[in-house]
């Protein structure tokens, strides 16, 4: 879209914003109303004031372990040896 006219770029931006708004304020609430388990989970999250995004990234021990292991894998990447396959 680099060579598209300015009008088309603004139109694409507005379309993307509208799709995001539709997802957040129409589709997600409809899922909560449709599936009882989702509605119950949402009500528990609201009732207890849970910040669910926080738990996935910071408060779960396995996430920290995975971060350390991934960093070590990248840092100490195996480079092969005498039995290395040739491509």
PDB file of N, CA and C in Angstrom:
ATOM      1  N   UNK A   1       0.810  -1.197   0.000  1.00  0.00           N
ATOM      2  CA  UNK A   1       0.000   0.000   0.000  1.00  0.00           C
ATOM      3  C   UNK A   1       0.850   1.257   0.000  1.00  0.00           C
ATOM      4  N   UNK A   2       2.132   1.139  -0.214  1.00  0.00           N
ATOM      5  CA  UNK A   2       2.998   2.302  -0.180  1.00  0.00           C
ATOM      6  C   UNK A   2       2.681   3.280  -1.304  1.00  0.00           C
ATOM      7  N   UNK A   3       2.287   2.770  -2.446  1.00  0.00           N
ATOM      8  CA  UNK A   3       2.010   3.639  -3.581  1.00  0.00           C
ATOM      9  C   UNK A   3       0.536   3.984  -3.710  1.00  0.00           C
ATOM     10  N   UNK A   4      -0.272   3.575  -2.763  1.00  0.00           N
ATOM     11  CA  UNK A   4      -1.707   3.855  -2.808  1.00  0.00           C
ATOM     12  C   UNK A   4      -1.948   5.331  -2.503  1.00  0.00           C
ATOM     13  N   UNK A   5      -3.021   5.868  -3.044  1.00  0.00           N
ATOM     14  CA  UNK A   5      -3.352   7.260  -2.729  1.00  0.00           C
ATOM     15  C   UNK A   5      -3.637   7.444  -1.241  1.00  0.00           C
ATOM     16  N   UNK A   6      -3.481   8.664  -0.776  1.00  0.00           N
ATOM     17  CA  UNK A   6      -3.684   8.974   0.640  1.00  0.00           C
ATOM     18  C   UNK A   6      -5.089   8.584   1.075  1.00  0.00           C
ATOM     19  N   UNK A   7      -6.066   8.826   0.232  1.00  0.00           N
ATOM     20  CA  UNK A   7      -7.448   8.474   0.565  1.00  0.00           C
ATOM     21  C   UNK A   7      -7.584   6.977   0.857  1.00  0.00           C
ATOM     22  N   UNK A   8      -6.958   6.139   0.035  1.00  0.00           N
ATOM     23  CA  UNK A   8      -7.045   4.686   0.226  1.00  0.00           C
ATOM     24  C   UNK A   8      -6.355   4.260   1.519  1.00  0.00           C
ATOM     25  N   UNK A   9      -5.263   4.909   1.865  1.00  0.00           N
ATOM     26  CA  UNK A   9      -4.572   4.572   3.112  1.00  0.00           C
ATOM     27  C   UNK A   9      -5.418   4.947   4.316  1.00  0.00           C
ATOM     28  N   UNK A  10      -6.055   6.128   4.264  1.00  0.00           N
ATOM     29  CA  UNK A  10      -6.953   6.515   5.354  1.00  0.00           C
ATOM     30  C   UNK A  10      -8.152   5.580   5.425  1.00  0.00           C
ATOM     31  N   UNK A  11      -8.668   5.188   4.276  1.00  0.00           N
ATOM     32  CA  UNK A  11      -9.797   4.259   4.248  1.00  0.00           C
ATOM     33  C   UNK A  11      -9.413   2.911   4.861  1.00  0.00           C
ATOM     34  N   UNK A  12      -8.217   2.418   4.555  1.00  0.00           N
ATOM     35  CA  UNK A  12      -7.741   1.158   5.128  1.00  0.00           C
ATOM     36  C   UNK A  12      -7.563   1.286   6.645  1.00  0.00           C
ATOM     37  N   UNK A  13      -7.053   2.426   7.108  1.00  0.00           N
ATOM     38  CA  UNK A  13      -6.899   2.647   8.547  1.00  0.00           C
ATOM     39  C   UNK A  13      -8.262   2.642   9.241  1.00  0.00           C
ATOM     40  N   UNK A  14      -9.229   3.338   8.665  1.00  0.00           N
ATOM     41  CA  UNK A  14     -10.565   3.390   9.252  1.00  0.00           C
ATOM     42  C   UNK A  14     -11.236   2.016   9.234  1.00  0.00           C
ATOM     43  N   UNK A  15     -11.038   1.265   8.159  1.00  0.00           N
ATOM     44  CA  UNK A  15     -11.603  -0.090   8.089  1.00  0.00           C
ATOM     45  C   UNK A  15     -10.996  -0.982   9.168  1.00  0.00           C
ATOM     46  N   UNK A  16      -9.684  -0.880   9.371  1.00  0.00           N
ATOM     47  CA  UNK A  16      -9.037  -1.665  10.420  1.00  0.00           C
ATOM     48  C   UNK A  16      -9.536  -1.276  11.802  1.00  0.00           C
ATOM     49  N   UNK A  17      -9.699   0.023  12.050  1.00  0.00           N
ATOM     50  CA  UNK A  17     -10.213   0.482  13.346  1.00  0.00           C
ATOM     51  C   UNK A  17     -11.639  -0.007  13.557  1.00  0.00           C
ATOM     52  N   UNK A  18     -12.454   0.017  12.502  1.00  0.00           N
ATOM     53  CA  UNK A  18     -13.832  -0.469  12.615  1.00  0.00           C
ATOM     54  C   UNK A  18     -13.858  -1.968  12.912  1.00  0.00           C
ATOM     55  N   UNK A  19     -12.995  -2.733  12.255  1.00  0.00           N
ATOM     56  CA  UNK A  19     -12.953  -4.182  12.512  1.00  0.00           C
ATOM     57  C   UNK A  19     -12.515  -4.459  13.942  1.00  0.00           C
ATOM     58  N   UNK A  20     -11.538  -3.715  14.441  1.00  0.00           N
ATOM     59  CA  UNK A  20     -11.097  -3.881  15.826  1.00  0.00           C
ATOM     60  C   UNK A  20     -12.228  -3.543  16.792  1.00  0.00           C
ATOM     61  N   UNK A  21     -12.939  -2.439  16.550  1.00  0.00           N
ATOM     62  CA  UNK A  21     -14.066  -2.043  17.393  1.00  0.00           C
ATOM     63  C   UNK A  21     -15.144  -3.125  17.382  1.00  0.00           C
ATOM     64  N   UNK A  22     -15.440  -3.661  16.191  1.00  0.00           N
ATOM     65  CA  UNK A  22     -16.449  -4.721  16.072  1.00  0.00           C
ATOM     66  C   UNK A  22     -16.037  -5.949  16.858  1.00  0.00           C
ATOM     67  N   UNK A  23     -14.788  -6.319  16.796  1.00  0.00           N
ATOM     68  CA  UNK A  23     -14.305  -7.477  17.549  1.00  0.00           C
ATOM     69  C   UNK A  23     -14.470  -7.262  19.048  1.00  0.00           C
ATOM     70  N   UNK A  24     -14.047  -6.091  19.539  1.00  0.00           N
ATOM     71  CA  UNK A  24     -14.046  -5.837  20.978  1.00  0.00           C
ATOM     72  C   UNK A  24     -15.442  -5.611  21.557  1.00  0.00           C
ATOM     73  N   UNK A  25     -16.314  -4.924  20.826  1.00  0.00           N
ATOM     74  CA  UNK A  25     -17.579  -4.517  21.406  1.00  0.00           C
ATOM     75  C   UNK A  25     -18.791  -5.249  20.859  1.00  0.00           C
ATOM     76  N   UNK A  26     -18.623  -6.111  19.850  1.00  0.00           N
ATOM     77  CA  UNK A  26     -19.744  -6.879  19.303  1.00  0.00           C
ATOM     78  C   UNK A  26     -19.477  -8.374  19.406  1.00  0.00           C
ATOM     79  N   UNK A  27     -18.354  -8.827  18.850  1.00  0.00           N
ATOM     80  CA  UNK A  27     -18.095 -10.268  18.768  1.00  0.00           C
ATOM     81  C   UNK A  27     -17.748 -10.863  20.131  1.00  0.00           C
ATOM     82  N   UNK A  28     -16.832 -10.252  20.863  1.00  0.00           N
ATOM     83  CA  UNK A  28     -16.448 -10.802  22.177  1.00  0.00           C
ATOM     84  C   UNK A  28     -17.613 -10.819  23.167  1.00  0.00           C
ATOM     85  N   UNK A  29     -18.408  -9.756  23.288  1.00  0.00           N
ATOM     86  CA  UNK A  29     -19.579  -9.846  24.171  1.00  0.00           C
ATOM     87  C   UNK A  29     -20.589 -10.896  23.709  1.00  0.00           C
ATOM     88  N   UNK A  30     -20.723 -11.085  22.403  1.00  0.00           N
ATOM     89  CA  UNK A  30     -21.636 -12.116  21.896  1.00  0.00           C
ATOM     90  C   UNK A  30     -21.151 -13.509  22.303  1.00  0.00           C
ATOM     91  N   UNK A  31     -19.850 -13.720  22.282  1.00  0.00           N
ATOM     92  CA  UNK A  31     -19.304 -15.015  22.726  1.00  0.00           C
ATOM     93  C   UNK A  31     -19.607 -15.221  24.202  1.00  0.00           C
ATOM     94  N   UNK A  32     -19.451 -14.183  25.017  1.00  0.00           N
ATOM     95  CA  UNK A  32     -19.765 -14.302  26.449  1.00  0.00           C
ATOM     96  C   UNK A  32     -21.228 -14.615  26.683  1.00  0.00           C
ATOM     97  N   UNK A  33     -22.111 -14.054  25.870  1.00  0.00           N
ATOM     98  CA  UNK A  33     -23.544 -14.335  26.035  1.00  0.00           C
ATOM     99  C   UNK A  33     -23.920 -15.713  25.509  1.00  0.00           C
ATOM    100  N   UNK A  34     -23.214 -16.195  24.489  1.00  0.00           N
ATOM    101  CA  UNK A  34     -23.576 -17.450  23.833  1.00  0.00           C
ATOM    102  C   UNK A  34     -23.148 -18.671  24.643  1.00  0.00           C
ATOM    103  N   UNK A  35     -21.935 -18.646  25.161  1.00  0.00           N
ATOM    104  CA  UNK A  35     -21.404 -19.801  25.881  1.00  0.00           C
ATOM    105  C   UNK A  35     -21.460 -19.541  27.385  1.00  0.00           C
ATOM    106  N   UNK A  36     -22.225 -20.338  28.127  1.00  0.00           N
ATOM    107  CA  UNK A  36     -22.357 -20.114  29.567  1.00  0.00           C
ATOM    108  C   UNK A  36     -21.026 -20.164  30.324  1.00  0.00           C
ATOM    109  N   UNK A  37     -20.125 -21.025  29.903  1.00  0.00           N
ATOM    110  CA  UNK A  37     -18.834 -21.128  30.600  1.00  0.00           C
ATOM    111  C   UNK A  37     -18.035 -19.831  30.450  1.00  0.00           C
ATOM    112  N   UNK A  38     -18.086 -19.228  29.285  1.00  0.00           N
ATOM    113  CA  UNK A  38     -17.375 -17.963  29.073  1.00  0.00           C
ATOM    114  C   UNK A  38     -18.009 -16.848  29.889  1.00  0.00           C
ATOM    115  N   UNK A  39     -19.340 -16.848  29.959  1.00  0.00           N
ATOM    116  CA  UNK A  39     -20.033 -15.828  30.745  1.00  0.00           C
ATOM    117  C   UNK A  39     -19.688 -15.977  32.225  1.00  0.00           C
ATOM    118  N   UNK A  40     -19.622 -17.218  32.706  1.00  0.00           N
ATOM    119  CA  UNK A  40     -19.264 -17.440  34.106  1.00  0.00           C
ATOM    120  C   UNK A  40     -17.832 -17.000  34.379  1.00  0.00           C
ATOM    121  N   UNK A  41     -16.927 -17.339  33.486  1.00  0.00           N
ATOM    122  CA  UNK A  41     -15.538 -16.934  33.665  1.00  0.00           C
ATOM    123  C   UNK A  41     -15.418 -15.401  33.681  1.00  0.00           C
ATOM    124  N   UNK A  42     -16.115 -14.748  32.785  1.00  0.00           N
ATOM    125  CA  UNK A  42     -16.065 -13.283  32.739  1.00  0.00           C
ATOM    126  C   UNK A  42     -16.639 -12.673  34.012  1.00  0.00           C
ATOM    127  N   UNK A  43     -17.702 -13.276  34.545  1.00  0.00           N
ATOM    128  CA  UNK A  43     -18.287 -12.735  35.774  1.00  0.00           C
ATOM    129  C   UNK A  43     -17.357 -12.942  36.970  1.00  0.00           C
ATOM    130  N   UNK A  44     -16.653 -14.062  37.031  1.00  0.00           N
ATOM    131  CA  UNK A  44     -15.697 -14.310  38.117  1.00  0.00           C
ATOM    132  C   UNK A  44     -14.531 -13.325  38.018  1.00  0.00           C
ATOM    133  N   UNK A  45     -14.040 -13.101  36.808  1.00  0.00           N
ATOM    134  CA  UNK A  45     -12.946 -12.149  36.611  1.00  0.00           C
ATOM    135  C   UNK A  45     -13.374 -10.756  37.064  1.00  0.00           C
ATOM    136  N   UNK A  46     -14.590 -10.361  36.713  1.00  0.00           N
ATOM    137  CA  UNK A  46     -15.099  -9.047  37.122  1.00  0.00           C
ATOM    138  C   UNK A  46     -15.332  -8.986  38.628  1.00  0.00           C
ATOM    139  N   UNK A  47     -15.903 -10.050  39.201  1.00  0.00           N
ATOM    140  CA  UNK A  47     -16.249 -10.045  40.629  1.00  0.00           C
ATOM    141  C   UNK A  47     -15.016  -9.941  41.522  1.00  0.00           C
ATOM    142  N   UNK A  48     -13.945 -10.619  41.139  1.00  0.00           N
ATOM    143  CA  UNK A  48     -12.740 -10.619  41.956  1.00  0.00           C
ATOM    144  C   UNK A  48     -11.721  -9.570  41.522  1.00  0.00           C
ATOM    145  N   UNK A  49     -12.027  -8.830  40.471  1.00  0.00           N
ATOM    146  CA  UNK A  49     -11.121  -7.780  40.008  1.00  0.00           C
ATOM    147  C   UNK A  49      -9.792  -8.318  39.509  1.00  0.00           C
ATOM    148  N   UNK A  50      -9.817  -9.463  38.856  1.00  0.00           N
ATOM    149  CA  UNK A  50      -8.581 -10.074  38.368  1.00  0.00           C
ATOM    150  C   UNK A  50      -8.066  -9.350  37.141  1.00  0.00           C
ATOM    151  N   UNK A  51      -6.778  -9.212  37.072  1.00  0.00           N
ATOM    152  CA  UNK A  51      -6.126  -8.638  35.890  1.00  0.00           C
ATOM    153  C   UNK A  51      -5.506  -9.797  35.130  1.00  0.00           C
ATOM    154  N   UNK A  52      -6.264 -10.408  34.251  1.00  0.00           N
ATOM    155  CA  UNK A  52      -5.873 -11.677  33.648  1.00  0.00           C
ATOM    156  C   UNK A  52      -4.659 -11.579  32.745  1.00  0.00           C
ATOM    157  N   UNK A  53      -4.451 -10.496  32.043  1.00  0.00           N
ATOM    158  CA  UNK A  53      -3.282 -10.376  31.178  1.00  0.00           C
ATOM    159  C   UNK A  53      -1.988 -10.387  31.959  1.00  0.00           C
ATOM    160  N   UNK A  54      -2.027  -9.888  33.172  1.00  0.00           N
ATOM    161  CA  UNK A  54      -0.844  -9.825  34.008  1.00  0.00           C
ATOM    162  C   UNK A  54      -0.346 -11.229  34.375  1.00  0.00           C
ATOM    163  N   UNK A  55      -1.263 -12.151  34.642  1.00  0.00           N
ATOM    164  CA  UNK A  55      -0.867 -13.466  35.116  1.00  0.00           C
ATOM    165  C   UNK A  55      -0.116 -14.258  34.050  1.00  0.00           C
ATOM    166  N   UNK A  56      -0.521 -14.132  32.814  1.00  0.00           N
ATOM    167  CA  UNK A  56       0.090 -14.937  31.760  1.00  0.00           C
ATOM    168  C   UNK A  56       1.562 -14.612  31.595  1.00  0.00           C
ATOM    169  N   UNK A  57       1.917 -13.359  31.698  1.00  0.00           N
ATOM    170  CA  UNK A  57       3.287 -12.983  31.396  1.00  0.00           C
ATOM    171  C   UNK A  57       4.199 -12.874  32.610  1.00  0.00           C
ATOM    172  N   UNK A  58       3.692 -12.551  33.781  1.00  0.00           N
ATOM    173  CA  UNK A  58       4.595 -12.231  34.872  1.00  0.00           C
ATOM    174  C   UNK A  58       4.481 -13.126  36.092  1.00  0.00           C
ATOM    175  N   UNK A  59       3.308 -13.627  36.392  1.00  0.00           N
ATOM    176  CA  UNK A  59       3.131 -14.325  37.655  1.00  0.00           C
ATOM    177  C   UNK A  59       3.158 -15.842  37.545  1.00  0.00           C
ATOM    178  N   UNK A  60       3.458 -16.374  36.391  1.00  0.00           N
ATOM    179  CA  UNK A  60       3.489 -17.816  36.221  1.00  0.00           C
ATOM    180  C   UNK A  60       4.942 -18.248  36.121  1.00  0.00           C
ATOM    181  N   UNK A  61       5.332 -19.158  37.001  1.00  0.00           N
ATOM    182  CA  UNK A  61       6.740 -19.567  37.082  1.00  0.00           C
ATOM    183  C   UNK A  61       7.234 -20.188  35.776  1.00  0.00           C
ATOM    184  N   UNK A  62       6.374 -20.944  35.121  1.00  0.00           N
ATOM    185  CA  UNK A  62       6.816 -21.628  33.901  1.00  0.00           C
ATOM    186  C   UNK A  62       7.144 -20.640  32.787  1.00  0.00           C
ATOM    187  N   UNK A  63       6.508 -19.469  32.807  1.00  0.00           N
ATOM    188  CA  UNK A  63       6.833 -18.461  31.808  1.00  0.00           C
ATOM    189  C   UNK A  63       8.254 -17.955  32.001  1.00  0.00           C
ATOM    190  N   UNK A  64       8.653 -17.734  33.239  1.00  0.00           N
ATOM    191  CA  UNK A  64      10.026 -17.311  33.514  1.00  0.00           C
ATOM    192  C   UNK A  64      11.021 -18.402  33.131  1.00  0.00           C
ATOM    193  N   UNK A  65      10.686 -19.662  33.438  1.00  0.00           N
ATOM    194  CA  UNK A  65      11.562 -20.775  33.057  1.00  0.00           C
ATOM    195  C   UNK A  65      11.715 -20.859  31.542  1.00  0.00           C
ATOM    196  N   UNK A  66      10.621 -20.696  30.831  1.00  0.00           N
ATOM    197  CA  UNK A  66      10.680 -20.759  29.369  1.00  0.00           C
ATOM    198  C   UNK A  66      11.519 -19.616  28.821  1.00  0.00           C
ATOM    199  N   UNK A  67      11.416 -18.455  29.425  1.00  0.00           N
ATOM    200  CA  UNK A  67      12.211 -17.313  28.977  1.00  0.00           C
ATOM    201  C   UNK A  67      13.701 -17.582  29.163  1.00  0.00           C
ATOM    202  N   UNK A  68      14.068 -18.132  30.310  1.00  0.00           N
ATOM    203  CA  UNK A  68      15.480 -18.440  30.585  1.00  0.00           C
ATOM    204  C   UNK A  68      15.998 -19.506  29.621  1.00  0.00           C
ATOM    205  N   UNK A  69      15.208 -20.554  29.422  1.00  0.00           N
ATOM    206  CA  UNK A  69      15.636 -21.639  28.533  1.00  0.00           C
ATOM    207  C   UNK A  69      15.763 -21.166  27.094  1.00  0.00           C
ATOM    208  N   UNK A  70      14.840 -20.335  26.648  1.00  0.00           N
ATOM    209  CA  UNK A  70      14.914 -19.810  25.287  1.00  0.00           C
ATOM    210  C   UNK A  70      16.136 -18.920  25.119  1.00  0.00           C
ATOM    211  N   UNK A  71      16.387 -18.064  26.092  1.00  0.00           N
ATOM    212  CA  UNK A  71      17.560 -17.196  26.021  1.00  0.00           C
ATOM    213  C   UNK A  71      18.844 -18.020  25.992  1.00  0.00           C
ATOM    214  N   UNK A  72      18.901 -19.081  26.801  1.00  0.00           N
ATOM    215  CA  UNK A  72      20.104 -19.930  26.823  1.00  0.00           C
ATOM    216  C   UNK A  72      20.264 -20.699  25.517  1.00  0.00           C
ATOM    217  N   UNK A  73      19.167 -21.110  24.924  1.00  0.00           N
ATOM    218  CA  UNK A  73      19.260 -21.817  23.647  1.00  0.00           C
ATOM    219  C   UNK A  73      19.831 -20.906  22.573  1.00  0.00           C
ATOM    220  N   UNK A  74      19.373 -19.665  22.556  1.00  0.00           N
ATOM    221  CA  UNK A  74      19.889 -18.719  21.566  1.00  0.00           C
ATOM    222  C   UNK A  74      21.336 -18.363  21.873  1.00  0.00           C
ATOM    223  N   UNK A  75      21.644 -18.187  23.136  1.00  0.00           N
ATOM    224  CA  UNK A  75      22.995 -17.781  23.536  1.00  0.00           C
ATOM    225  C   UNK A  75      24.022 -18.879  23.282  1.00  0.00           C
ATOM    226  N   UNK A  76      23.660 -20.110  23.581  1.00  0.00           N
ATOM    227  CA  UNK A  76      24.580 -21.236  23.438  1.00  0.00           C
ATOM    228  C   UNK A  76      24.125 -22.165  22.313  1.00  0.00           C
ATOM    229  N   UNK A  77      23.859 -21.602  21.156  1.00  0.00           N
ATOM    230  CA  UNK A  77      23.340 -22.369  20.022  1.00  0.00           C
ATOM    231  C   UNK A  77      24.359 -23.424  19.587  1.00  0.00           C
ATOM    232  N   UNK A  78      23.915 -24.675  19.427  1.00  0.00           N
ATOM    233  CA  UNK A  78      24.835 -25.700  18.939  1.00  0.00           C
ATOM    234  C   UNK A  78      25.295 -25.369  17.520  1.00  0.00           C
ATOM    235  N   UNK A  79      26.559 -25.569  17.260  1.00  0.00           N
ATOM    236  CA  UNK A  79      27.092 -25.235  15.942  1.00  0.00           C
ATOM    237  C   UNK A  79      27.450 -26.462  15.126  1.00  0.00           C
ATOM    238  N   UNK A  80      27.258 -27.623  15.673  1.00  0.00           N
ATOM    239  CA  UNK A  80      27.580 -28.833  14.927  1.00  0.00           C
ATOM    240  C   UNK A  80      28.819 -29.495  15.473  1.00  0.00           C
ATOM    241  N   UNK A  81      29.344 -30.422  14.743  1.00  0.00           N
ATOM    242  CA  UNK A  81      30.531 -31.140  15.168  1.00  0.00           C
ATOM    243  C   UNK A  81      31.016 -32.031  14.051  1.00  0.00           C
ATOM    244  N   UNK A  82      31.770 -33.066  14.423  1.00  0.00           N
ATOM    245  CA  UNK A  82      32.315 -33.924  13.384  1.00  0.00           C
ATOM    246  C   UNK A  82      31.242 -34.781  12.724  1.00  0.00           C
ATOM    247  N   UNK A  83      30.097 -35.018  13.384  1.00  0.00           N
ATOM    248  CA  UNK A  83      29.029 -35.829  12.820  1.00  0.00           C
ATOM    249  C   UNK A  83      27.923 -34.960  12.185  1.00  0.00           C
ATOM    250  N   UNK A  84      28.231 -33.741  11.906  1.00  0.00           N
ATOM    251  CA  UNK A  84      27.253 -32.813  11.346  1.00  0.00           C
ATOM    252  C   UNK A  84      26.862 -33.230   9.941  1.00  0.00           C
ATOM    253  N   UNK A  85      25.567 -33.179   9.666  1.00  0.00           N
ATOM    254  CA  UNK A  85      25.064 -33.555   8.340  1.00  0.00           C
ATOM    255  C   UNK A  85      25.390 -32.445   7.353  1.00  0.00           C
ATOM    256  N   UNK A  86      25.729 -32.840   6.142  1.00  0.00           N
ATOM    257  CA  UNK A  86      26.008 -31.870   5.081  1.00  0.00           C
ATOM    258  C   UNK A  86      24.755 -31.668   4.258  1.00  0.00           C
ATOM    259  N   UNK A  87      24.516 -30.419   3.869  1.00  0.00           N
ATOM    260  CA  UNK A  87      23.320 -30.120   3.057  1.00  0.00           C
ATOM    261  C   UNK A  87      23.709 -29.742   1.667  1.00  0.00           C
TER     262      UNK A  87
END
